[in-house]
Amino acid sequence: MNGPEIHVEFAPGLHLFVPAARRAGRTPLTTDGVSTLGHVVESLGVPLTEVGALVVDGREVPAAHVPAAGESVTVREVTRPQRVPGAPLRFLLDVHLGTLARRLRLLGVDTAYESTDIGDPALAARSAAEKRVMLSRDRGLLRRRELWAGAFVYSTRPDDQLQDVLDRFAPELRPWTRCTACNGLLRTATKEEVADQLKGGTQRSYDVFAQCAECGRAYWKGAHHDQLEAIVTRATAPRAQDG
């Protein structure tokens, strides 16, 4: 680039996306004079899905703003909880986030998940068609313009991933109402209705069942129920208020 010089500062929460030299406050950057501020920020490694506001010389500007020489830019983080206007809050997760998808479904959050790698264009198209927030650790995917909405998943640990999504979007939780396998809604079922899925010990030991209205999978309080209950309890526990 060989154009106007601006000065850019990134909020601490965005430092993981930018080179180390850009993490120490406001740093100079030479632009080409025609690119938008949104393009400039993304060229430095920050997906716009993670930007809450772009502030130039004290005033908030859109991503389409073309920076001029001498401007001072502050790139802020997304405000939490983040509100996604225009549709019920629903998610789409890529192939690498299967555990997170199952846990969100366990909590009753409408969560679509691609168990195979269908490619970034197809994922972005599905996000747009179904108005789902794309959750991914793939920065390239989150830069695709056709996405309806998106968010970077900051951790590789499922516990932290879940907490981060809940803190960021504050979705309505309805535990035990969705199929963790396919995202369908669960209904109460009799033992006779799910008998073909039960082994002898389960037949004798359990009397309360649910069944997915979409795929037919049966559910009961089996050997792993305590682990699942712990996930639900942590997710639904009241959050300590700051101050």
Protein backbone atom coordinates (compact mmCIF):
# COMPACT_ATOMS: atom_id res chain seq x y z
CA MET A 1 0.00 0.00 0.00
CA ASN A 2 1.22 3.51 -0.75
CA GLY A 3 -1.44 5.94 0.37
CA PRO A 4 -2.77 7.78 3.44
CA GLU A 5 -1.41 6.82 6.84
CA ILE A 6 -3.88 6.16 9.65
CA HIS A 7 -3.46 4.95 13.21
CA VAL A 8 -5.30 1.84 14.41
CA GLU A 9 -5.94 0.46 17.89
CA PHE A 10 -7.61 -2.89 18.59
CA ALA A 11 -9.59 -3.81 21.71
CA PRO A 12 -7.76 -6.38 23.88
CA GLY A 13 -10.25 -9.12 23.03
CA LEU A 14 -9.25 -8.85 19.36
CA HIS A 15 -5.51 -9.16 19.94
CA LEU A 16 -5.42 -12.87 19.12
CA PHE A 17 -6.32 -12.03 15.51
CA VAL A 18 -3.65 -9.40 14.85
CA PRO A 19 0.17 -9.55 14.69
CA ALA A 20 1.99 -8.96 17.97
CA ALA A 21 3.24 -5.58 16.73
CA ARG A 22 -0.38 -4.33 16.54
CA ARG A 23 -1.26 -5.25 20.15
CA ALA A 24 0.57 -2.40 21.87
CA GLY A 25 -1.93 0.40 21.52
CA ARG A 26 -2.35 2.68 18.51
CA THR A 27 -0.04 1.81 15.62
CA PRO A 28 0.47 3.42 12.20
CA LEU A 29 -0.84 1.83 9.02
CA THR A 30 -0.45 2.95 5.42
CA THR A 31 -3.61 2.35 3.38
CA ASP A 32 -4.25 2.46 -0.37
CA GLY A 33 -6.71 5.36 -0.16
CA VAL A 34 -9.62 3.45 -1.73
CA SER A 35 -10.26 0.39 0.45
CA THR A 36 -13.03 0.54 3.05
CA LEU A 37 -12.23 0.45 6.73
CA GLY A 38 -13.93 -2.94 6.95
CA HIS A 39 -11.57 -4.30 4.31
CA VAL A 40 -8.58 -2.78 6.10
CA VAL A 41 -9.56 -4.38 9.41
CA GLU A 42 -10.07 -7.78 7.81
CA SER A 43 -6.75 -7.50 5.97
CA LEU A 44 -5.12 -7.24 9.40
CA GLY A 45 -6.73 -10.55 10.41
CA VAL A 46 -9.92 -9.58 12.25
CA PRO A 47 -13.22 -10.97 10.90
CA LEU A 48 -15.91 -8.30 10.93
CA THR A 49 -18.15 -10.74 12.82
CA GLU A 50 -15.98 -9.94 15.86
CA VAL A 51 -16.11 -6.15 15.51
CA GLY A 52 -18.67 -4.33 17.62
CA ALA A 53 -17.96 -0.80 16.43
CA LEU A 54 -15.48 1.13 14.33
CA VAL A 55 -14.70 4.50 15.85
CA VAL A 56 -12.84 7.18 13.84
CA ASP A 57 -11.69 10.29 15.67
CA GLY A 58 -14.33 9.71 18.33
CA ARG A 59 -17.31 9.02 16.07
CA GLU A 60 -18.71 5.65 15.05
CA VAL A 61 -18.54 4.92 11.32
CA PRO A 62 -19.79 2.06 9.13
CA ALA A 63 -17.47 -0.60 7.71
CA ALA A 64 -17.91 1.09 4.30
CA HIS A 65 -16.05 4.20 5.52
CA VAL A 66 -12.90 4.93 3.50
CA PRO A 67 -10.21 6.14 5.92
CA ALA A 68 -8.42 9.41 5.20
CA ALA A 69 -4.90 10.48 6.12
CA GLY A 70 -4.33 11.13 9.79
CA GLU A 71 -7.49 9.45 11.05
CA SER A 72 -7.35 7.62 14.37
CA VAL A 73 -9.28 4.34 14.37
CA THR A 74 -10.43 2.28 17.35
CA VAL A 75 -11.71 -1.24 16.63
CA ARG A 76 -13.98 -2.39 19.44
CA GLU A 77 -15.21 -5.84 20.41
CA VAL A 78 -18.76 -7.07 20.00
CA THR A 79 -20.99 -5.94 22.86
CA ARG A 80 -22.34 -8.82 24.94
CA PRO A 81 -24.98 -10.10 24.96
CA GLN A 82 -25.02 -9.67 21.19
CA ARG A 83 -28.45 -9.22 19.66
CA VAL A 84 -29.08 -10.70 16.21
CA PRO A 85 -32.07 -8.87 14.69
CA GLY A 86 -34.52 -10.10 12.11
CA ALA A 87 -35.00 -13.79 12.90
CA PRO A 88 -35.29 -16.25 15.79
CA LEU A 89 -31.82 -17.00 17.17
CA ARG A 90 -30.58 -20.17 15.48
CA PHE A 91 -27.09 -21.53 14.88
CA LEU A 92 -25.17 -23.42 12.22
CA LEU A 93 -21.91 -25.16 13.18
CA ASP A 94 -19.19 -26.50 10.92
CA VAL A 95 -17.75 -30.04 10.91
CA HIS A 96 -15.21 -29.28 13.66
CA LEU A 97 -17.76 -28.34 16.35
CA GLY A 98 -19.78 -31.53 16.83
CA THR A 99 -19.51 -31.62 20.63
CA LEU A 100 -20.61 -27.99 20.91
CA ALA A 101 -23.55 -28.71 18.59
CA ARG A 102 -24.72 -31.62 20.75
CA ARG A 103 -24.47 -29.54 23.93
CA LEU A 104 -26.43 -26.64 22.46
CA ARG A 105 -29.13 -29.09 21.36
CA LEU A 106 -29.12 -30.62 24.85
CA LEU A 107 -30.00 -27.15 26.12
CA GLY A 108 -32.83 -26.83 23.61
CA VAL A 109 -31.08 -24.34 21.31
CA ASP A 110 -31.94 -24.70 17.60
CA THR A 111 -28.59 -25.86 16.22
CA ALA A 112 -27.86 -27.18 12.74
CA TYR A 113 -24.58 -29.03 12.26
CA GLU A 114 -22.74 -30.31 9.21
CA SER A 115 -21.06 -33.63 10.09
CA THR A 116 -19.10 -33.61 6.83
CA ASP A 117 -16.97 -30.91 5.23
CA ILE A 118 -19.32 -29.44 2.62
CA GLY A 119 -17.08 -26.43 1.97
CA ASP A 120 -17.25 -22.77 2.92
CA PRO A 121 -19.50 -21.63 0.05
CA ALA A 122 -22.18 -24.20 0.94
CA LEU A 123 -22.02 -23.36 4.66
CA ALA A 124 -22.33 -19.64 3.97
CA ALA A 125 -25.24 -20.26 1.61
CA ARG A 126 -27.05 -22.33 4.25
CA SER A 127 -26.46 -19.64 6.88
CA ALA A 128 -28.08 -17.10 4.55
CA ALA A 129 -30.96 -19.33 3.41
CA GLU A 130 -31.95 -20.42 6.94
CA LYS A 131 -30.95 -17.18 8.73
CA ARG A 132 -28.62 -18.99 11.09
CA VAL A 133 -25.60 -17.59 12.94
CA MET A 134 -22.53 -19.40 11.62
CA LEU A 135 -20.25 -20.57 14.45
CA SER A 136 -16.74 -21.52 13.39
CA ARG A 137 -13.03 -21.27 14.15
CA ASP A 138 -12.38 -20.77 10.42
CA ARG A 139 -11.62 -17.07 9.90
CA GLY A 140 -11.86 -17.41 6.13
CA LEU A 141 -15.40 -18.77 6.40
CA LEU A 142 -16.42 -15.92 8.70
CA ARG A 143 -15.20 -13.38 6.12
CA ARG A 144 -17.61 -14.61 3.45
CA ARG A 145 -20.00 -11.82 2.52
CA GLU A 146 -22.98 -14.11 1.93
CA LEU A 147 -23.13 -15.19 5.59
CA TRP A 148 -26.31 -14.07 7.33
CA ALA A 149 -24.40 -13.67 10.60
CA GLY A 150 -21.38 -15.29 12.18
CA ALA A 151 -19.21 -15.62 15.26
CA PHE A 152 -15.73 -16.94 15.96
CA VAL A 153 -15.47 -19.76 18.50
CA TYR A 154 -12.49 -18.72 20.61
CA SER A 155 -11.65 -21.91 22.51
CA THR A 156 -10.87 -25.49 21.51
CA ARG A 157 -12.39 -26.85 24.75
CA PRO A 158 -16.10 -27.76 24.54
CA ASP A 159 -16.85 -26.48 28.06
CA ASP A 160 -15.37 -23.08 27.26
CA GLN A 161 -16.93 -23.03 23.79
CA LEU A 162 -20.39 -23.54 25.24
CA GLN A 163 -19.96 -20.91 27.92
CA ASP A 164 -18.66 -18.42 25.37
CA VAL A 165 -21.65 -18.90 23.04
CA LEU A 166 -24.11 -18.64 25.95
CA ASP A 167 -22.44 -15.46 27.25
CA ARG A 168 -22.25 -13.88 23.81
CA PHE A 169 -25.77 -14.57 22.54
CA ALA A 170 -27.80 -15.36 25.69
CA PRO A 171 -30.09 -17.81 23.82
CA GLU A 172 -33.29 -19.00 25.44
CA LEU A 173 -32.59 -22.40 27.02
CA ARG A 174 -35.10 -25.23 27.01
CA PRO A 175 -33.13 -28.26 28.22
CA TRP A 176 -34.15 -31.78 27.21
CA THR A 177 -36.43 -30.64 24.37
CA ARG A 178 -34.25 -31.37 21.31
CA CYS A 179 -32.64 -34.43 19.81
CA THR A 180 -28.88 -34.23 20.23
CA ALA A 181 -28.44 -36.32 17.09
CA CYS A 182 -30.56 -34.40 14.57
CA ASN A 183 -31.91 -31.23 16.30
CA GLY A 184 -35.53 -32.41 16.04
CA LEU A 185 -38.01 -31.75 18.86
CA LEU A 186 -38.63 -34.42 21.50
CA ARG A 187 -42.00 -35.73 22.62
CA THR A 188 -43.02 -38.01 25.47
CA ALA A 189 -43.11 -41.66 24.40
CA THR A 190 -44.31 -44.92 25.92
CA LYS A 191 -42.06 -47.91 26.42
CA GLU A 192 -44.01 -49.74 23.74
CA GLU A 193 -43.37 -47.00 21.19
CA VAL A 194 -39.58 -47.26 21.58
CA ALA A 195 -39.34 -50.95 22.45
CA ASP A 196 -37.36 -51.79 19.32
CA GLN A 197 -34.52 -49.53 20.52
CA LEU A 198 -34.29 -50.97 24.04
CA LYS A 199 -32.07 -53.78 25.27
CA GLY A 200 -33.19 -56.15 28.02
CA GLY A 201 -31.67 -54.21 30.91
CA THR A 202 -33.15 -50.94 29.74
CA GLN A 203 -36.54 -52.57 29.26
CA ARG A 204 -36.53 -53.69 32.88
CA SER A 205 -34.95 -50.60 34.49
CA TYR A 206 -36.63 -47.60 32.86
CA ASP A 207 -40.22 -46.47 32.36
CA VAL A 208 -39.91 -42.82 31.25
CA PHE A 209 -38.95 -42.15 27.65
CA ALA A 210 -38.86 -39.43 25.02
CA GLN A 211 -38.59 -39.77 21.27
CA CYS A 212 -37.46 -37.45 18.51
CA ALA A 213 -40.32 -36.44 16.25
CA GLU A 214 -37.90 -36.21 13.30
CA CYS A 215 -35.53 -39.19 13.40
CA GLY A 216 -37.33 -41.41 15.92
CA ARG A 217 -34.39 -41.79 18.30
CA ALA A 218 -35.39 -42.79 21.84
CA TYR A 219 -34.11 -41.12 25.02
CA TRP A 220 -34.13 -42.14 28.67
CA LYS A 221 -32.15 -41.37 31.84
CA GLY A 222 -29.36 -43.86 31.19
CA ALA A 223 -25.78 -44.29 32.35
CA HIS A 224 -24.60 -40.90 31.05
CA HIS A 225 -27.51 -38.87 32.42
CA ASP A 226 -25.55 -37.48 35.38
CA GLN A 227 -22.90 -36.06 33.03
CA LEU A 228 -25.55 -34.44 30.87
CA GLU A 229 -27.39 -33.12 33.91
CA ALA A 230 -24.16 -31.47 35.08
CA ILE A 231 -23.82 -29.67 31.73
CA VAL A 232 -27.41 -28.44 31.98
CA THR A 233 -26.97 -27.35 35.60
CA ARG A 234 -23.86 -25.30 34.81
CA ALA A 235 -25.49 -23.69 31.79
CA THR A 236 -28.67 -22.70 33.62
CA ALA A 237 -27.07 -21.56 36.88
CA PRO A 238 -27.54 -17.84 37.63
CA ARG A 239 -24.56 -15.76 36.59
CA ALA A 240 -22.77 -13.65 39.20
CA GLN A 241 -23.34 -9.96 38.50
CA ASP A 242 -20.36 -7.64 38.21
CA GLY A 243 -20.16 -4.93 40.81
